[in-house]
């Protein structure tokens, strides 16, 4: 889908996410020793569609890079992967969202916020079926929060929960009603550096 200036939504989302990640890196490099450390967070979790016909929650894997911008605000860039098969493996759906988030930290262990994501989904059919594989790109907005529990000065646990609201026409709009398309929760190991 093209916008007025000829830039695809996927390209704009990728540029936004790259810019956010670069800003987080630059802010953390110039922060000096008195600021909190940047974190690399590999995680495992579950995600589930809120659709009435949805099956059980599915396992997902993700990695994120989180950096403090201000004492009460962090920026995060992440990517995850989820796969789900249907009809005896005749049909497989693979999704990998690339997200950018801003997290407010009102208390040292709690955070809340939201962000924007580019959700790439591939639909693969068994080769013996008369269907063609396809891939779609869609923008989504997420709201959520989490708990960051330190285990040592350089290691911690990160529990994250978010609700995702997919945008129907790839325009970014803040949800006006609570009707998410799916939710996800992850438990990660926050490695500070």
Protein backbone atom coordinates (compact mmCIF):
# COMPACT_ATOMS: atom_id res chain seq x y z
CA UNK A 1 0.00 0.00 0.00
CA UNK A 2 1.38 3.41 -0.99
CA UNK A 3 0.81 6.69 0.79
CA UNK A 4 0.75 10.18 -0.73
CA UNK A 5 4.52 10.42 -1.14
CA UNK A 6 5.02 7.00 -2.71
CA UNK A 7 6.56 5.37 0.38
CA UNK A 8 5.10 2.04 1.43
CA UNK A 9 3.82 1.61 4.97
CA UNK A 10 6.33 -1.21 5.48
CA UNK A 11 9.20 1.07 4.45
CA UNK A 12 7.98 3.86 6.73
CA UNK A 13 7.59 1.44 9.65
CA UNK A 14 11.06 0.00 9.07
CA UNK A 15 12.56 3.51 8.97
CA UNK A 16 10.74 4.47 12.18
CA UNK A 17 11.90 1.34 13.99
CA UNK A 18 15.49 1.76 12.79
CA UNK A 19 15.50 5.40 13.86
CA UNK A 20 14.10 4.54 17.29
CA UNK A 21 16.71 1.84 17.82
CA UNK A 22 19.54 4.13 16.70
CA UNK A 23 18.27 6.88 19.01
CA UNK A 24 18.19 4.44 21.93
CA UNK A 25 21.75 3.31 21.17
CA UNK A 26 23.06 6.87 20.84
CA UNK A 27 21.32 7.97 24.03
CA UNK A 28 22.77 5.07 25.99
CA UNK A 29 26.31 5.53 24.63
CA UNK A 30 26.35 9.17 25.67
CA UNK A 31 24.69 8.47 29.01
CA UNK A 32 27.87 7.97 31.03
CA UNK A 33 28.32 5.72 34.04
CA UNK A 34 25.59 7.32 36.18
CA UNK A 35 22.78 6.17 33.88
CA UNK A 36 21.08 2.79 33.79
CA UNK A 37 22.56 0.22 31.40
CA UNK A 38 21.26 -0.89 28.06
CA UNK A 39 19.60 -4.31 28.12
CA UNK A 40 19.53 -7.20 25.67
CA UNK A 41 16.44 -9.33 26.37
CA UNK A 42 15.99 -12.77 24.77
CA UNK A 43 12.59 -14.16 25.75
CA UNK A 44 10.09 -16.98 25.31
CA UNK A 45 6.39 -16.43 25.55
CA UNK A 46 2.88 -17.13 24.39
CA UNK A 47 0.53 -15.24 22.10
CA UNK A 48 -3.14 -15.81 21.46
CA UNK A 49 -5.71 -14.34 19.14
CA UNK A 50 -8.83 -12.93 20.79
CA UNK A 51 -10.99 -14.26 17.93
CA UNK A 52 -13.74 -16.62 19.08
CA UNK A 53 -12.47 -19.35 16.70
CA UNK A 54 -8.84 -19.05 17.82
CA UNK A 55 -7.06 -22.08 19.14
CA UNK A 56 -4.77 -22.34 22.13
CA UNK A 57 -1.99 -19.85 22.83
CA UNK A 58 1.14 -20.55 20.78
CA UNK A 59 4.78 -20.42 21.82
CA UNK A 60 6.85 -17.53 20.50
CA UNK A 61 10.44 -16.40 20.76
CA UNK A 62 11.78 -12.87 20.76
CA UNK A 63 14.76 -10.60 21.31
CA UNK A 64 14.67 -6.95 22.34
CA UNK A 65 17.11 -4.15 22.98
CA UNK A 66 16.01 -1.67 25.66
CA UNK A 67 17.79 1.56 26.53
CA UNK A 68 17.01 4.34 28.99
CA UNK A 69 16.29 7.75 27.48
CA UNK A 70 15.39 9.53 30.72
CA UNK A 71 15.37 8.25 34.31
CA UNK A 72 11.65 7.40 33.92
CA UNK A 73 11.52 6.46 30.20
CA UNK A 74 13.06 3.66 28.10
CA UNK A 75 12.97 2.95 24.37
CA UNK A 76 12.85 -0.62 23.08
CA UNK A 77 13.23 -2.23 19.68
CA UNK A 78 12.39 -5.90 19.24
CA UNK A 79 11.58 -8.74 16.90
CA UNK A 80 9.71 -11.96 17.60
CA UNK A 81 8.67 -15.11 15.74
CA UNK A 82 5.59 -17.29 15.96
CA UNK A 83 4.46 -20.26 13.87
CA UNK A 84 1.11 -22.02 13.82
CA UNK A 85 -0.02 -24.98 11.69
CA UNK A 86 -3.58 -25.98 10.75
CA UNK A 87 -5.33 -28.93 9.08
CA UNK A 88 -2.67 -31.57 9.69
CA UNK A 89 0.13 -29.19 8.61
CA UNK A 90 -1.57 -28.40 5.27
CA UNK A 91 -1.52 -24.69 6.16
CA UNK A 92 1.15 -22.86 8.18
CA UNK A 93 1.07 -19.25 9.36
CA UNK A 94 4.37 -17.58 10.31
CA UNK A 95 4.40 -14.15 11.89
CA UNK A 96 7.38 -11.99 12.82
CA UNK A 97 6.59 -8.55 14.20
CA UNK A 98 9.25 -5.85 14.42
CA UNK A 99 8.27 -3.41 17.16
CA UNK A 100 9.33 -0.12 18.74
CA UNK A 101 8.09 0.76 22.23
CA UNK A 102 8.35 3.49 24.81
CA UNK A 103 8.09 2.32 28.43
CA UNK A 104 7.39 4.62 31.38
CA UNK A 105 8.99 3.40 34.61
CA UNK A 106 7.12 5.04 37.51
CA UNK A 107 8.74 2.58 39.91
CA UNK A 108 12.08 0.78 39.45
CA UNK A 109 10.52 -2.65 38.88
CA UNK A 110 7.34 -1.70 36.96
CA UNK A 111 6.90 -0.29 33.47
CA UNK A 112 3.94 0.55 31.23
CA UNK A 113 3.55 2.03 27.78
CA UNK A 114 3.08 1.07 24.20
CA UNK A 115 4.36 1.32 20.70
CA UNK A 116 4.11 0.57 17.04
CA UNK A 117 4.88 -2.58 15.10
CA UNK A 118 5.28 -3.87 11.59
CA UNK A 119 3.69 -7.34 11.42
CA UNK A 120 4.83 -9.52 8.53
CA UNK A 121 2.79 -12.68 8.07
CA UNK A 122 3.45 -15.53 5.65
CA UNK A 123 0.78 -18.05 4.70
CA UNK A 124 2.32 -21.31 3.45
CA UNK A 125 0.28 -24.12 1.91
CA UNK A 126 1.39 -27.69 1.38
CA UNK A 127 2.71 -28.02 -2.19
CA UNK A 128 0.02 -30.60 -3.06
CA UNK A 129 -2.75 -28.02 -2.45
CA UNK A 130 -3.98 -25.72 -5.25
CA UNK A 131 -3.22 -22.53 -3.29
CA UNK A 132 -0.40 -20.03 -3.67
CA UNK A 133 1.72 -18.98 -0.70
CA UNK A 134 1.41 -15.32 0.21
CA UNK A 135 2.89 -12.72 2.55
CA UNK A 136 1.21 -9.65 4.05
CA UNK A 137 2.47 -6.61 5.93
CA UNK A 138 0.33 -4.82 8.48
CA UNK A 139 0.82 -2.09 11.09
CA UNK A 140 -0.21 -2.68 14.69
CA UNK A 141 -0.34 -0.63 17.88
CA UNK A 142 0.43 -2.28 21.22
CA UNK A 143 -0.27 -1.30 24.82
CA UNK A 144 1.07 -3.12 27.84
CA UNK A 145 3.51 -3.24 30.65
CA UNK A 146 5.73 -5.45 32.67
CA UNK A 147 7.79 -6.31 35.68
CA UNK A 148 11.59 -6.05 35.68
CA UNK A 149 13.09 -8.03 38.56
CA UNK A 150 16.87 -7.74 39.12
CA UNK A 151 18.77 -10.95 39.88
CA UNK A 152 22.25 -9.38 39.99
CA UNK A 153 23.80 -6.06 38.93
CA UNK A 154 24.00 -7.24 35.31
CA UNK A 155 21.12 -9.72 35.05
CA UNK A 156 17.38 -9.69 35.61
CA UNK A 157 14.07 -11.26 34.70
CA UNK A 158 11.63 -9.35 32.49
CA UNK A 159 7.94 -10.29 32.40
CA UNK A 160 6.08 -8.43 29.64
CA UNK A 161 2.39 -8.44 28.65
CA UNK A 162 0.94 -6.53 25.73
CA UNK A 163 -2.29 -6.24 23.80
CA UNK A 164 -2.03 -5.69 20.04
CA UNK A 165 -4.51 -3.73 17.95
CA UNK A 166 -3.98 -4.31 14.22
CA UNK A 167 -4.66 -1.30 12.00
CA UNK A 168 -7.13 -2.08 9.22
CA UNK A 169 -5.86 0.40 6.64
CA UNK A 170 -2.24 0.60 7.89
CA UNK A 171 -2.83 4.05 9.33
CA UNK A 172 -1.71 4.47 12.92
CA UNK A 173 -4.60 5.22 15.27
CA UNK A 174 -4.73 4.97 19.03
CA UNK A 175 -7.42 2.43 20.07
CA UNK A 176 -10.63 4.08 21.29
CA UNK A 177 -12.17 0.84 22.56
CA UNK A 178 -10.58 -2.16 24.23
CA UNK A 179 -10.87 -4.73 21.46
CA UNK A 180 -7.38 -6.16 20.82
CA UNK A 181 -6.71 -8.59 17.99
CA UNK A 182 -4.36 -10.66 20.15
CA UNK A 183 -2.27 -10.60 23.31
CA UNK A 184 1.21 -11.79 24.04
CA UNK A 185 3.20 -12.37 27.19
CA UNK A 186 6.91 -13.12 27.47
CA UNK A 187 9.44 -14.01 30.14
CA UNK A 188 12.93 -12.86 29.28
CA UNK A 189 16.42 -12.69 30.67
CA UNK A 190 17.53 -9.04 30.76
CA UNK A 191 21.29 -8.86 30.21
CA UNK A 192 22.67 -5.41 31.05
CA UNK A 193 25.74 -4.02 29.30
